[in-house]
PDB file of N, CA and C in Angstrom:
ATOM      1  N   MET A   1     -18.755   3.974 -24.286  1.00  0.00           N
ATOM      2  CA  MET A   1     -17.706   2.994 -24.268  1.00  0.00           C
ATOM      3  C   MET A   1     -16.488   3.577 -24.993  1.00  0.00           C
ATOM      4  N   ILE A   2     -15.325   3.379 -24.420  1.00  0.00           N
ATOM      5  CA  ILE A   2     -14.083   3.867 -24.995  1.00  0.00           C
ATOM      6  C   ILE A   2     -13.189   2.664 -25.271  1.00  0.00           C
ATOM      7  N   TYR A   3     -12.554   2.667 -26.427  1.00  0.00           N
ATOM      8  CA  TYR A   3     -11.660   1.577 -26.793  1.00  0.00           C
ATOM      9  C   TYR A   3     -10.211   1.992 -26.612  1.00  0.00           C
ATOM     10  N   PHE A   4      -9.397   1.051 -26.137  1.00  0.00           N
ATOM     11  CA  PHE A   4      -7.970   1.250 -25.934  1.00  0.00           C
ATOM     12  C   PHE A   4      -7.226   0.215 -26.764  1.00  0.00           C
ATOM     13  N   LEU A   5      -6.084   0.589 -27.306  1.00  0.00           N
ATOM     14  CA  LEU A   5      -5.212  -0.354 -27.995  1.00  0.00           C
ATOM     15  C   LEU A   5      -3.853  -0.313 -27.315  1.00  0.00           C
ATOM     16  N   VAL A   6      -3.168  -1.443 -27.282  1.00  0.00           N
ATOM     17  CA  VAL A   6      -1.794  -1.492 -26.807  1.00  0.00           C
ATOM     18  C   VAL A   6      -0.932  -1.839 -28.000  1.00  0.00           C
ATOM     19  N   ILE A   7      -0.013  -0.938 -28.320  1.00  0.00           N
ATOM     20  CA  ILE A   7       0.895  -1.139 -29.444  1.00  0.00           C
ATOM     21  C   ILE A   7       2.298  -0.834 -28.949  1.00  0.00           C
ATOM     22  N   SER A   8       3.163  -1.826 -29.016  1.00  0.00           N
ATOM     23  CA  SER A   8       4.556  -1.674 -28.592  1.00  0.00           C
ATOM     24  C   SER A   8       4.671  -1.089 -27.192  1.00  0.00           C
ATOM     25  N   GLY A   9       3.814  -1.534 -26.288  1.00  0.00           N
ATOM     26  CA  GLY A   9       3.899  -1.116 -24.899  1.00  0.00           C
ATOM     27  C   GLY A   9       3.236   0.205 -24.560  1.00  0.00           C
ATOM     28  N   PHE A  10       2.658   0.879 -25.534  1.00  0.00           N
ATOM     29  CA  PHE A  10       1.954   2.139 -25.298  1.00  0.00           C
ATOM     30  C   PHE A  10       0.455   1.896 -25.371  1.00  0.00           C
ATOM     31  N   ILE A  11      -0.299   2.615 -24.556  1.00  0.00           N
ATOM     32  CA  ILE A  11      -1.755   2.556 -24.633  1.00  0.00           C
ATOM     33  C   ILE A  11      -2.220   3.715 -25.503  1.00  0.00           C
ATOM     34  N   PHE A  12      -3.022   3.411 -26.507  1.00  0.00           N
ATOM     35  CA  PHE A  12      -3.606   4.426 -27.377  1.00  0.00           C
ATOM     36  C   PHE A  12      -5.101   4.485 -27.106  1.00  0.00           C
ATOM     37  N   LEU A  13      -5.654   5.695 -27.040  1.00  0.00           N
ATOM     38  CA  LEU A  13      -7.083   5.875 -26.876  1.00  0.00           C
ATOM     39  C   LEU A  13      -7.526   7.016 -27.764  1.00  0.00           C
ATOM     40  N   LEU A  14      -8.805   7.050 -28.044  1.00  0.00           N
ATOM     41  CA  LEU A  14      -9.342   8.070 -28.939  1.00  0.00           C
ATOM     42  C   LEU A  14      -9.142   9.469 -28.384  1.00  0.00           C
ATOM     43  N   PHE A  15      -8.912  10.442 -29.267  1.00  0.00           N
ATOM     44  CA  PHE A  15      -8.843  11.833 -28.859  1.00  0.00           C
ATOM     45  C   PHE A  15     -10.091  12.187 -28.070  1.00  0.00           C
ATOM     46  N   GLY A  16      -9.932  12.931 -26.990  1.00  0.00           N
ATOM     47  CA  GLY A  16     -11.058  13.381 -26.194  1.00  0.00           C
ATOM     48  C   GLY A  16     -11.491  12.412 -25.115  1.00  0.00           C
ATOM     49  N   ALA A  17     -10.916  11.224 -25.090  1.00  0.00           N
ATOM     50  CA  ALA A  17     -11.350  10.217 -24.115  1.00  0.00           C
ATOM     51  C   ALA A  17     -10.664  10.384 -22.764  1.00  0.00           C
ATOM     52  N   GLU A  18      -9.568  11.114 -22.718  1.00  0.00           N
ATOM     53  CA  GLU A  18      -8.758  11.188 -21.497  1.00  0.00           C
ATOM     54  C   GLU A  18      -9.557  11.673 -20.294  1.00  0.00           C
ATOM     55  N   VAL A  19     -10.360  12.686 -20.464  1.00  0.00           N
ATOM     56  CA  VAL A  19     -11.121  13.235 -19.342  1.00  0.00           C
ATOM     57  C   VAL A  19     -12.046  12.189 -18.750  1.00  0.00           C
ATOM     58  N   MET A  20     -12.623  11.350 -19.578  1.00  0.00           N
ATOM     59  CA  MET A  20     -13.579  10.351 -19.122  1.00  0.00           C
ATOM     60  C   MET A  20     -12.894   9.158 -18.447  1.00  0.00           C
ATOM     61  N   LEU A  21     -11.600   8.987 -18.639  1.00  0.00           N
ATOM     62  CA  LEU A  21     -10.956   7.760 -18.167  1.00  0.00           C
ATOM     63  C   LEU A  21      -9.745   8.007 -17.286  1.00  0.00           C
ATOM     64  N   ARG A  22      -9.839   8.978 -16.439  1.00  0.00           N
ATOM     65  CA  ARG A  22      -8.710   9.306 -15.560  1.00  0.00           C
ATOM     66  C   ARG A  22      -8.291   8.122 -14.705  1.00  0.00           C
ATOM     67  N   GLY A  23      -9.221   7.252 -14.321  1.00  0.00           N
ATOM     68  CA  GLY A  23      -8.883   6.087 -13.505  1.00  0.00           C
ATOM     69  C   GLY A  23      -7.903   5.166 -14.201  1.00  0.00           C
ATOM     70  N   ALA A  24      -8.229   4.736 -15.401  1.00  0.00           N
ATOM     71  CA  ALA A  24      -7.358   3.824 -16.146  1.00  0.00           C
ATOM     72  C   ALA A  24      -6.036   4.493 -16.494  1.00  0.00           C
ATOM     73  N   ILE A  25      -6.091   5.755 -16.878  1.00  0.00           N
ATOM     74  CA  ILE A  25      -4.878   6.472 -17.255  1.00  0.00           C
ATOM     75  C   ILE A  25      -3.982   6.675 -16.034  1.00  0.00           C
ATOM     76  N   GLY A  26      -4.591   6.980 -14.885  1.00  0.00           N
ATOM     77  CA  GLY A  26      -3.816   7.136 -13.659  1.00  0.00           C
ATOM     78  C   GLY A  26      -3.107   5.860 -13.260  1.00  0.00           C
ATOM     79  N   ILE A  27      -3.793   4.741 -13.376  1.00  0.00           N
ATOM     80  CA  ILE A  27      -3.179   3.449 -13.058  1.00  0.00           C
ATOM     81  C   ILE A  27      -2.042   3.156 -14.025  1.00  0.00           C
ATOM     82  N   ALA A  28      -2.280   3.382 -15.318  1.00  0.00           N
ATOM     83  CA  ALA A  28      -1.228   3.145 -16.317  1.00  0.00           C
ATOM     84  C   ALA A  28       0.001   3.996 -15.999  1.00  0.00           C
ATOM     85  N   ASP A  29      -0.218   5.239 -15.637  1.00  0.00           N
ATOM     86  CA  ASP A  29       0.891   6.131 -15.300  1.00  0.00           C
ATOM     87  C   ASP A  29       1.690   5.581 -14.123  1.00  0.00           C
ATOM     88  N   LYS A  30       1.005   5.116 -13.087  1.00  0.00           N
ATOM     89  CA  LYS A  30       1.685   4.555 -11.918  1.00  0.00           C
ATOM     90  C   LYS A  30       2.472   3.297 -12.268  1.00  0.00           C
ATOM     91  N   LEU A  31       2.019   2.572 -13.287  1.00  0.00           N
ATOM     92  CA  LEU A  31       2.715   1.362 -13.737  1.00  0.00           C
ATOM     93  C   LEU A  31       3.825   1.672 -14.744  1.00  0.00           C
ATOM     94  N   GLY A  32       3.978   2.955 -15.088  1.00  0.00           N
ATOM     95  CA  GLY A  32       5.007   3.342 -16.055  1.00  0.00           C
ATOM     96  C   GLY A  32       4.622   3.078 -17.498  1.00  0.00           C
ATOM     97  N   ILE A  33       3.325   2.979 -17.766  1.00  0.00           N
ATOM     98  CA  ILE A  33       2.830   2.728 -19.119  1.00  0.00           C
ATOM     99  C   ILE A  33       2.320   4.043 -19.692  1.00  0.00           C
ATOM    100  N   SER A  34       2.899   4.487 -20.795  1.00  0.00           N
ATOM    101  CA  SER A  34       2.494   5.747 -21.407  1.00  0.00           C
ATOM    102  C   SER A  34       1.177   5.609 -22.139  1.00  0.00           C
ATOM    103  N   CYS A  35       0.371   6.670 -22.084  1.00  0.00           N
ATOM    104  CA  CYS A  35      -0.894   6.727 -22.818  1.00  0.00           C
ATOM    105  C   CYS A  35      -0.812   7.856 -23.834  1.00  0.00           C
ATOM    106  N   ARG A  36      -1.367   7.627 -24.996  1.00  0.00           N
ATOM    107  CA  ARG A  36      -1.394   8.627 -26.057  1.00  0.00           C
ATOM    108  C   ARG A  36      -2.783   8.685 -26.656  1.00  0.00           C
ATOM    109  N   GLU A  37      -3.280   9.883 -26.884  1.00  0.00           N
ATOM    110  CA  GLU A  37      -4.531  10.029 -27.616  1.00  0.00           C
ATOM    111  C   GLU A  37      -4.225   9.981 -29.102  1.00  0.00           C
ATOM    112  N   SER A  38      -5.087   9.335 -29.854  1.00  0.00           N
ATOM    113  CA  SER A  38      -4.850   9.137 -31.272  1.00  0.00           C
ATOM    114  C   SER A  38      -6.166   8.858 -31.983  1.00  0.00           C
ATOM    115  N   ASN A  39      -6.183   9.076 -33.281  1.00  0.00           N
ATOM    116  CA  ASN A  39      -7.288   8.573 -34.094  1.00  0.00           C
ATOM    117  C   ASN A  39      -7.050   7.075 -34.257  1.00  0.00           C
ATOM    118  N   ILE A  40      -8.048   6.268 -33.963  1.00  0.00           N
ATOM    119  CA  ILE A  40      -7.909   4.817 -34.053  1.00  0.00           C
ATOM    120  C   ILE A  40      -8.760   4.323 -35.207  1.00  0.00           C
ATOM    121  N   GLU A  41      -8.125   3.632 -36.124  1.00  0.00           N
ATOM    122  CA  GLU A  41      -8.797   3.066 -37.291  1.00  0.00           C
ATOM    123  C   GLU A  41      -8.908   1.553 -37.127  1.00  0.00           C
ATOM    124  N   THR A  42      -9.746   0.926 -37.916  1.00  0.00           N
ATOM    125  CA  THR A  42      -9.921  -0.523 -37.872  1.00  0.00           C
ATOM    126  C   THR A  42      -8.591  -1.241 -38.062  1.00  0.00           C
ATOM    127  N   TYR A  43      -7.762  -0.750 -38.967  1.00  0.00           N
ATOM    128  CA  TYR A  43      -6.436  -1.351 -39.193  1.00  0.00           C
ATOM    129  C   TYR A  43      -5.636  -1.391 -37.897  1.00  0.00           C
ATOM    130  N   ASP A  44      -5.696  -0.308 -37.120  1.00  0.00           N
ATOM    131  CA  ASP A  44      -4.950  -0.236 -35.864  1.00  0.00           C
ATOM    132  C   ASP A  44      -5.398  -1.319 -34.891  1.00  0.00           C
ATOM    133  N   VAL A  45      -6.684  -1.578 -34.854  1.00  0.00           N
ATOM    134  CA  VAL A  45      -7.213  -2.617 -33.972  1.00  0.00           C
ATOM    135  C   VAL A  45      -6.692  -3.985 -34.413  1.00  0.00           C
ATOM    136  N   HIS A  46      -6.750  -4.250 -35.712  1.00  0.00           N
ATOM    137  CA  HIS A  46      -6.319  -5.561 -36.218  1.00  0.00           C
ATOM    138  C   HIS A  46      -4.831  -5.797 -36.029  1.00  0.00           C
ATOM    139  N   THR A  47      -4.032  -4.748 -35.956  1.00  0.00           N
ATOM    140  CA  THR A  47      -2.582  -4.914 -35.821  1.00  0.00           C
ATOM    141  C   THR A  47      -2.082  -4.632 -34.404  1.00  0.00           C
ATOM    142  N   ALA A  48      -2.987  -4.353 -33.478  1.00  0.00           N
ATOM    143  CA  ALA A  48      -2.591  -4.070 -32.093  1.00  0.00           C
ATOM    144  C   ALA A  48      -2.116  -5.336 -31.388  1.00  0.00           C
ATOM    145  N   ASP A  49      -1.304  -5.150 -30.360  1.00  0.00           N
ATOM    146  CA  ASP A  49      -0.853  -6.266 -29.530  1.00  0.00           C
ATOM    147  C   ASP A  49      -1.982  -6.768 -28.635  1.00  0.00           C
ATOM    148  N   GLU A  50      -2.799  -5.849 -28.154  1.00  0.00           N
ATOM    149  CA  GLU A  50      -3.960  -6.200 -27.350  1.00  0.00           C
ATOM    150  C   GLU A  50      -4.929  -5.027 -27.367  1.00  0.00           C
ATOM    151  N   ALA A  51      -6.138  -5.273 -26.901  1.00  0.00           N
ATOM    152  CA  ALA A  51      -7.147  -4.218 -26.882  1.00  0.00           C
ATOM    153  C   ALA A  51      -8.060  -4.435 -25.682  1.00  0.00           C
ATOM    154  N   PHE A  52      -8.638  -3.331 -25.210  1.00  0.00           N
ATOM    155  CA  PHE A  52      -9.648  -3.420 -24.160  1.00  0.00           C
ATOM    156  C   PHE A  52     -10.554  -2.206 -24.278  1.00  0.00           C
ATOM    157  N   MET A  53     -11.650  -2.235 -23.554  1.00  0.00           N
ATOM    158  CA  MET A  53     -12.604  -1.138 -23.627  1.00  0.00           C
ATOM    159  C   MET A  53     -13.121  -0.830 -22.228  1.00  0.00           C
ATOM    160  N   SER A  54     -13.600   0.372 -22.081  1.00  0.00           N
ATOM    161  CA  SER A  54     -14.256   0.723 -20.825  1.00  0.00           C
ATOM    162  C   SER A  54     -15.691   0.242 -20.908  1.00  0.00           C
ATOM    163  N   GLY A  55     -16.273  -0.001 -19.778  1.00  0.00           N
ATOM    164  CA  GLY A  55     -17.657  -0.436 -19.793  1.00  0.00           C
ATOM    165  C   GLY A  55     -18.265  -0.387 -18.406  1.00  0.00           C
ATOM    166  N   THR A  56     -19.475   0.027 -18.335  1.00  0.00           N
ATOM    167  CA  THR A  56     -20.191   0.035 -17.078  1.00  0.00           C
ATOM    168  C   THR A  56     -20.924  -1.299 -16.992  1.00  0.00           C
ATOM    169  N   PRO A  57     -20.878  -2.001 -15.919  1.00  0.00           N
ATOM    170  CA  PRO A  57     -20.399  -1.622 -14.599  1.00  0.00           C
ATOM    171  C   PRO A  57     -19.017  -2.166 -14.260  1.00  0.00           C
ATOM    172  N   PHE A  58     -18.251  -2.664 -15.223  1.00  0.00           N
ATOM    173  CA  PHE A  58     -17.024  -3.393 -14.900  1.00  0.00           C
ATOM    174  C   PHE A  58     -15.728  -2.635 -15.172  1.00  0.00           C
ATOM    175  N   CYS A  59     -15.752  -1.353 -15.295  1.00  0.00           N
ATOM    176  CA  CYS A  59     -14.564  -0.521 -15.494  1.00  0.00           C
ATOM    177  C   CYS A  59     -13.918  -0.757 -16.853  1.00  0.00           C
ATOM    178  N   ILE A  60     -13.209  -1.864 -17.008  1.00  0.00           N
ATOM    179  CA  ILE A  60     -12.584  -2.187 -18.287  1.00  0.00           C
ATOM    180  C   ILE A  60     -12.781  -3.671 -18.582  1.00  0.00           C
ATOM    181  N   LEU A  61     -12.855  -3.988 -19.865  1.00  0.00           N
ATOM    182  CA  LEU A  61     -13.034  -5.361 -20.329  1.00  0.00           C
ATOM    183  C   LEU A  61     -12.017  -5.644 -21.425  1.00  0.00           C
ATOM    184  N   PRO A  62     -11.429  -6.843 -21.456  1.00  0.00           N
ATOM    185  CA  PRO A  62     -10.518  -7.172 -22.545  1.00  0.00           C
ATOM    186  C   PRO A  62     -11.294  -7.420 -23.835  1.00  0.00           C
ATOM    187  N   VAL A  63     -10.677  -7.106 -24.949  1.00  0.00           N
ATOM    188  CA  VAL A  63     -11.250  -7.402 -26.267  1.00  0.00           C
ATOM    189  C   VAL A  63     -10.206  -8.234 -27.001  1.00  0.00           C
ATOM    190  N   THR A  64     -10.575  -9.441 -27.385  1.00  0.00           N
ATOM    191  CA  THR A  64      -9.608 -10.347 -28.002  1.00  0.00           C
ATOM    192  C   THR A  64      -9.858 -10.594 -29.482  1.00  0.00           C
ATOM    193  N   SER A  65     -10.966 -10.043 -30.010  1.00  0.00           N
ATOM    194  CA  SER A  65     -11.221 -10.208 -31.440  1.00  0.00           C
ATOM    195  C   SER A  65     -12.073  -9.054 -31.951  1.00  0.00           C
ATOM    196  N   LEU A  66     -12.005  -8.850 -33.247  1.00  0.00           N
ATOM    197  CA  LEU A  66     -12.840  -7.862 -33.926  1.00  0.00           C
ATOM    198  C   LEU A  66     -13.329  -8.498 -35.214  1.00  0.00           C
ATOM    199  N   ASN A  67     -14.620  -8.557 -35.384  1.00  0.00           N
ATOM    200  CA  ASN A  67     -15.216  -9.164 -36.571  1.00  0.00           C
ATOM    201  C   ASN A  67     -14.698 -10.584 -36.806  1.00  0.00           C
ATOM    202  N   GLY A  68     -14.503 -11.322 -35.712  1.00  0.00           N
ATOM    203  CA  GLY A  68     -14.051 -12.699 -35.801  1.00  0.00           C
ATOM    204  C   GLY A  68     -12.558 -12.882 -35.949  1.00  0.00           C
ATOM    205  N   ALA A  69     -11.793 -11.817 -36.125  1.00  0.00           N
ATOM    206  CA  ALA A  69     -10.335 -11.904 -36.268  1.00  0.00           C
ATOM    207  C   ALA A  69      -9.670 -11.597 -34.933  1.00  0.00           C
ATOM    208  N   ALA A  70      -8.692 -12.421 -34.563  1.00  0.00           N
ATOM    209  CA  ALA A  70      -7.985 -12.236 -33.298  1.00  0.00           C
ATOM    210  C   ALA A  70      -7.244 -10.904 -33.268  1.00  0.00           C
ATOM    211  N   ILE A  71      -7.235 -10.271 -32.114  1.00  0.00           N
ATOM    212  CA  ILE A  71      -6.404  -9.098 -31.865  1.00  0.00           C
ATOM    213  C   ILE A  71      -5.184  -9.608 -31.126  1.00  0.00           C
ATOM    214  N   GLY A  72      -4.003  -9.293 -31.621  1.00  0.00           N
ATOM    215  CA  GLY A  72      -2.779  -9.854 -31.042  1.00  0.00           C
ATOM    216  C   GLY A  72      -2.815 -11.361 -31.156  1.00  0.00           C
ATOM    217  N   ASP A  73      -2.549 -12.042 -30.024  1.00  0.00           N
ATOM    218  CA  ASP A  73      -2.580 -13.513 -30.055  1.00  0.00           C
ATOM    219  C   ASP A  73      -3.966 -14.065 -29.712  1.00  0.00           C
ATOM    220  N   GLY A  74      -4.946 -13.171 -29.613  1.00  0.00           N
ATOM    221  CA  GLY A  74      -6.311 -13.602 -29.335  1.00  0.00           C
ATOM    222  C   GLY A  74      -6.584 -13.889 -27.868  1.00  0.00           C
ATOM    223  N   LYS A  75      -5.632 -13.533 -27.001  1.00  0.00           N
ATOM    224  CA  LYS A  75      -5.781 -13.770 -25.564  1.00  0.00           C
ATOM    225  C   LYS A  75      -5.730 -12.447 -24.817  1.00  0.00           C
ATOM    226  N   VAL A  76      -6.177 -12.475 -23.581  1.00  0.00           N
ATOM    227  CA  VAL A  76      -6.090 -11.291 -22.732  1.00  0.00           C
ATOM    228  C   VAL A  76      -4.614 -10.944 -22.562  1.00  0.00           C
ATOM    229  N   GLY A  77      -4.268  -9.668 -22.777  1.00  0.00           N
ATOM    230  CA  GLY A  77      -2.874  -9.258 -22.763  1.00  0.00           C
ATOM    231  C   GLY A  77      -2.352  -8.842 -21.401  1.00  0.00           C
ATOM    232  N   PRO A  78      -1.028  -8.748 -21.281  1.00  0.00           N
ATOM    233  CA  PRO A  78      -0.400  -8.419 -20.005  1.00  0.00           C
ATOM    234  C   PRO A  78      -0.668  -6.991 -19.523  1.00  0.00           C
ATOM    235  N   VAL A  79      -0.809  -6.040 -20.430  1.00  0.00           N
ATOM    236  CA  VAL A  79      -1.090  -4.661 -20.009  1.00  0.00           C
ATOM    237  C   VAL A  79      -2.475  -4.597 -19.383  1.00  0.00           C
ATOM    238  N   PHE A  80      -3.455  -5.183 -20.052  1.00  0.00           N
ATOM    239  CA  PHE A  80      -4.805  -5.211 -19.496  1.00  0.00           C
ATOM    240  C   PHE A  80      -4.811  -5.908 -18.139  1.00  0.00           C
ATOM    241  N   THR A  81      -4.135  -7.043 -18.048  1.00  0.00           N
ATOM    242  CA  THR A  81      -4.113  -7.818 -16.814  1.00  0.00           C
ATOM    243  C   THR A  81      -3.541  -6.992 -15.659  1.00  0.00           C
ATOM    244  N   LYS A  82      -2.458  -6.263 -15.912  1.00  0.00           N
ATOM    245  CA  LYS A  82      -1.874  -5.398 -14.871  1.00  0.00           C
ATOM    246  C   LYS A  82      -2.844  -4.300 -14.462  1.00  0.00           C
ATOM    247  N   LEU A  83      -3.442  -3.627 -15.445  1.00  0.00           N
ATOM    248  CA  LEU A  83      -4.389  -2.551 -15.129  1.00  0.00           C
ATOM    249  C   LEU A  83      -5.555  -3.056 -14.294  1.00  0.00           C
ATOM    250  N   LEU A  84      -6.140  -4.175 -14.701  1.00  0.00           N
ATOM    251  CA  LEU A  84      -7.297  -4.712 -13.986  1.00  0.00           C
ATOM    252  C   LEU A  84      -6.912  -5.146 -12.578  1.00  0.00           C
ATOM    253  N   SER A  85      -5.737  -5.720 -12.423  1.00  0.00           N
ATOM    254  CA  SER A  85      -5.283  -6.157 -11.109  1.00  0.00           C
ATOM    255  C   SER A  85      -5.153  -4.972 -10.148  1.00  0.00           C
ATOM    256  N   VAL A  86      -4.514  -3.906 -10.605  1.00  0.00           N
ATOM    257  CA  VAL A  86      -4.345  -2.724  -9.756  1.00  0.00           C
ATOM    258  C   VAL A  86      -5.697  -2.071  -9.488  1.00  0.00           C
ATOM    259  N   TRP A  87      -6.530  -1.954 -10.511  1.00  0.00           N
ATOM    260  CA  TRP A  87      -7.851  -1.340 -10.345  1.00  0.00           C
ATOM    261  C   TRP A  87      -8.664  -2.136  -9.313  1.00  0.00           C
ATOM    262  N   SER A  88      -8.656  -3.453  -9.425  1.00  0.00           N
ATOM    263  CA  SER A  88      -9.377  -4.304  -8.473  1.00  0.00           C
ATOM    264  C   SER A  88      -8.850  -4.101  -7.056  1.00  0.00           C
ATOM    265  N   LYS A  89      -7.530  -4.051  -6.925  1.00  0.00           N
ATOM    266  CA  LYS A  89      -6.919  -3.858  -5.612  1.00  0.00           C
ATOM    267  C   LYS A  89      -7.290  -2.490  -5.041  1.00  0.00           C
ATOM    268  N   ASN A  90      -7.219  -1.446  -5.869  1.00  0.00           N
ATOM    269  CA  ASN A  90      -7.564  -0.098  -5.420  1.00  0.00           C
ATOM    270  C   ASN A  90      -9.016  -0.002  -4.957  1.00  0.00           C
ATOM    271  N   MET A  91      -9.898  -0.688  -5.661  1.00  0.00           N
ATOM    272  CA  MET A  91     -11.334  -0.628  -5.349  1.00  0.00           C
ATOM    273  C   MET A  91     -11.753  -1.686  -4.323  1.00  0.00           C
ATOM    274  N   GLU A  92     -10.823  -2.594  -3.992  1.00  0.00           N
ATOM    275  CA  GLU A  92     -11.104  -3.701  -3.081  1.00  0.00           C
ATOM    276  C   GLU A  92     -12.273  -4.545  -3.580  1.00  0.00           C
ATOM    277  N   VAL A  93     -12.257  -4.784  -4.894  1.00  0.00           N
ATOM    278  CA  VAL A  93     -13.302  -5.562  -5.552  1.00  0.00           C
ATOM    279  C   VAL A  93     -12.642  -6.469  -6.590  1.00  0.00           C
ATOM    280  N   ASP A  94     -13.088  -7.704  -6.682  1.00  0.00           N
ATOM    281  CA  ASP A  94     -12.610  -8.630  -7.720  1.00  0.00           C
ATOM    282  C   ASP A  94     -13.437  -8.377  -8.986  1.00  0.00           C
ATOM    283  N   ILE A  95     -12.954  -7.479  -9.834  1.00  0.00           N
ATOM    284  CA  ILE A  95     -13.722  -7.089 -11.018  1.00  0.00           C
ATOM    285  C   ILE A  95     -13.905  -8.276 -11.964  1.00  0.00           C
ATOM    286  N   LYS A  96     -12.847  -9.042 -12.197  1.00  0.00           N
ATOM    287  CA  LYS A  96     -12.965 -10.209 -13.076  1.00  0.00           C
ATOM    288  C   LYS A  96     -14.004 -11.176 -12.520  1.00  0.00           C
ATOM    289  N   GLY A  97     -13.977 -11.404 -11.209  1.00  0.00           N
ATOM    290  CA  GLY A  97     -14.958 -12.273 -10.579  1.00  0.00           C
ATOM    291  C   GLY A  97     -16.375 -11.754 -10.729  1.00  0.00           C
ATOM    292  N   GLN A  98     -16.535 -10.420 -10.645  1.00  0.00           N
ATOM    293  CA  GLN A  98     -17.860  -9.834 -10.831  1.00  0.00           C
ATOM    294  C   GLN A  98     -18.390 -10.103 -12.229  1.00  0.00           C
ATOM    295  N   ILE A  99     -17.526  -9.967 -13.212  1.00  0.00           N
ATOM    296  CA  ILE A  99     -17.940 -10.198 -14.600  1.00  0.00           C
ATOM    297  C   ILE A  99     -18.356 -11.655 -14.781  1.00  0.00           C
ATOM    298  N   GLN A 100     -17.537 -12.564 -14.257  1.00  0.00           N
ATOM    299  CA  GLN A 100     -17.852 -13.980 -14.394  1.00  0.00           C
ATOM    300  C   GLN A 100     -19.137 -14.337 -13.648  1.00  0.00           C
ATOM    301  N   LYS A 101     -19.351 -13.736 -12.484  1.00  0.00           N
ATOM    302  CA  LYS A 101     -20.577 -13.982 -11.740  1.00  0.00           C
ATOM    303  C   LYS A 101     -21.780 -13.437 -12.499  1.00  0.00           C
ATOM    304  N   TRP A 102     -21.608 -12.262 -13.093  1.00  0.00           N
ATOM    305  CA  TRP A 102     -22.677 -11.648 -13.886  1.00  0.00           C
ATOM    306  C   TRP A 102     -23.148 -12.617 -14.960  1.00  0.00           C
ATOM    307  N   ASN A 103     -22.195 -13.257 -15.619  1.00  0.00           N
ATOM    308  CA  ASN A 103     -22.533 -14.210 -16.671  1.00  0.00           C
ATOM    309  C   ASN A 103     -23.346 -15.371 -16.142  1.00  0.00           C
ATOM    310  N   SER A 104     -22.939 -15.909 -14.997  1.00  0.00           N
ATOM    311  CA  SER A 104     -23.649 -17.074 -14.479  1.00  0.00           C
ATOM    312  C   SER A 104     -25.058 -16.706 -14.020  1.00  0.00           C
ATOM    313  N   VAL A 105     -25.218 -15.507 -13.497  1.00  0.00           N
ATOM    314  CA  VAL A 105     -26.543 -15.060 -13.064  1.00  0.00           C
ATOM    315  C   VAL A 105     -27.426 -14.798 -14.276  1.00  0.00           C
ATOM    316  N   ASP A 106     -26.836 -14.170 -15.298  1.00  0.00           N
ATOM    317  CA  ASP A 106     -27.603 -13.803 -16.481  1.00  0.00           C
ATOM    318  C   ASP A 106     -27.823 -14.990 -17.416  1.00  0.00           C
ATOM    319  N   GLY A 107     -27.010 -16.040 -17.263  1.00  0.00           N
ATOM    320  CA  GLY A 107     -27.178 -17.231 -18.070  1.00  0.00           C
ATOM    321  C   GLY A 107     -26.715 -17.094 -19.511  1.00  0.00           C
ATOM    322  N   LEU A 108     -25.852 -16.133 -19.796  1.00  0.00           N
ATOM    323  CA  LEU A 108     -25.380 -15.936 -21.165  1.00  0.00           C
ATOM    324  C   LEU A 108     -24.442 -17.061 -21.578  1.00  0.00           C
ATOM    325  N   GLN A 109     -24.598 -17.544 -22.764  1.00  0.00           N
ATOM    326  CA  GLN A 109     -23.750 -18.602 -23.301  1.00  0.00           C
ATOM    327  C   GLN A 109     -23.302 -18.221 -24.707  1.00  0.00           C
ATOM    328  N   VAL A 110     -22.597 -17.138 -24.842  1.00  0.00           N
ATOM    329  CA  VAL A 110     -22.168 -16.654 -26.149  1.00  0.00           C
ATOM    330  C   VAL A 110     -20.790 -17.226 -26.448  1.00  0.00           C
ATOM    331  N   GLU A 111     -20.642 -17.928 -27.538  1.00  0.00           N
ATOM    332  CA  GLU A 111     -19.375 -18.582 -27.853  1.00  0.00           C
ATOM    333  C   GLU A 111     -18.392 -17.695 -28.608  1.00  0.00           C
ATOM    334  N   ASN A 112     -18.858 -16.677 -29.290  1.00  0.00           N
ATOM    335  CA  ASN A 112     -17.946 -15.894 -30.118  1.00  0.00           C
ATOM    336  C   ASN A 112     -17.887 -14.432 -29.684  1.00  0.00           C
ATOM    337  N   SER A 113     -17.970 -14.198 -28.400  1.00  0.00           N
ATOM    338  CA  SER A 113     -17.927 -12.828 -27.885  1.00  0.00           C
ATOM    339  C   SER A 113     -16.529 -12.248 -28.051  1.00  0.00           C
ATOM    340  N   PRO A 114     -16.417 -10.937 -28.233  1.00  0.00           N
ATOM    341  CA  PRO A 114     -15.105 -10.323 -28.377  1.00  0.00           C
ATOM    342  C   PRO A 114     -14.349 -10.204 -27.059  1.00  0.00           C
ATOM    343  N   THR A 115     -14.967 -10.503 -25.935  1.00  0.00           N
ATOM    344  CA  THR A 115     -14.264 -10.475 -24.657  1.00  0.00           C
ATOM    345  C   THR A 115     -14.386 -11.818 -23.955  1.00  0.00           C
ATOM    346  N   PRO A 116     -13.264 -12.412 -23.591  1.00  0.00           N
ATOM    347  CA  PRO A 116     -13.301 -13.753 -23.002  1.00  0.00           C
ATOM    348  C   PRO A 116     -13.868 -13.787 -21.591  1.00  0.00           C
ATOM    349  N   TYR A 117     -13.972 -12.654 -20.905  1.00  0.00           N
ATOM    350  CA  TYR A 117     -14.500 -12.682 -19.554  1.00  0.00           C
ATOM    351  C   TYR A 117     -15.973 -12.856 -19.587  1.00  0.00           C
ATOM    352  N   GLN A 118     -16.475 -12.750 -20.534  1.00  0.00           N
ATOM    353  CA  GLN A 118     -17.822 -12.771 -20.902  1.00  0.00           C
ATOM    354  C   GLN A 118     -18.508 -13.946 -20.454  1.00  0.00           C
ATOM    355  N   PHE A 119     -18.391 -13.771 -20.699  1.00  0.00           N
ATOM    356  CA  PHE A 119     -19.612 -14.174 -21.168  1.00  0.00           C
ATOM    357  C   PHE A 119     -19.413 -15.476 -21.884  1.00  0.00           C
ATOM    358  N   LYS A 120     -18.176 -16.060 -21.848  1.00  0.00           N
ATOM    359  CA  LYS A 120     -17.876 -17.422 -22.305  1.00  0.00           C
ATOM    360  C   LYS A 120     -17.631 -18.286 -21.086  1.00  0.00           C
ATOM    361  N   LYS A 121     -17.958 -19.542 -21.187  1.00  0.00           N
ATOM    362  CA  LYS A 121     -17.684 -20.486 -20.077  1.00  0.00           C
ATOM    363  C   LYS A 121     -16.497 -21.341 -20.417  1.00  0.00           C
TER     364      LYS A 121
END
């Protein structure tokens, strides 16, 4: 799993992650969103505008909190939303819908998950 932060319109990811995430980085590039590799500390997550992570089988997932504290405004951010929309269109798959369906099939009812697509109803 790779974590991404959005700070002042830039996407930050851990050093060495670029090779593993050419899909997300390619989409960001096409949208005019710069990506930078960086060391990411807990402070960076708490002060980021938004955050998301890669994950199998859903490509990327939004992260709206860390240790119970909201990241940004605690909602799915616009950068993530744009990336997921383009990725879904490119793959001809409703990724958000897949995640929500996964939850209903699996019966998960987690109220304090760090990703709202979750696994929350």
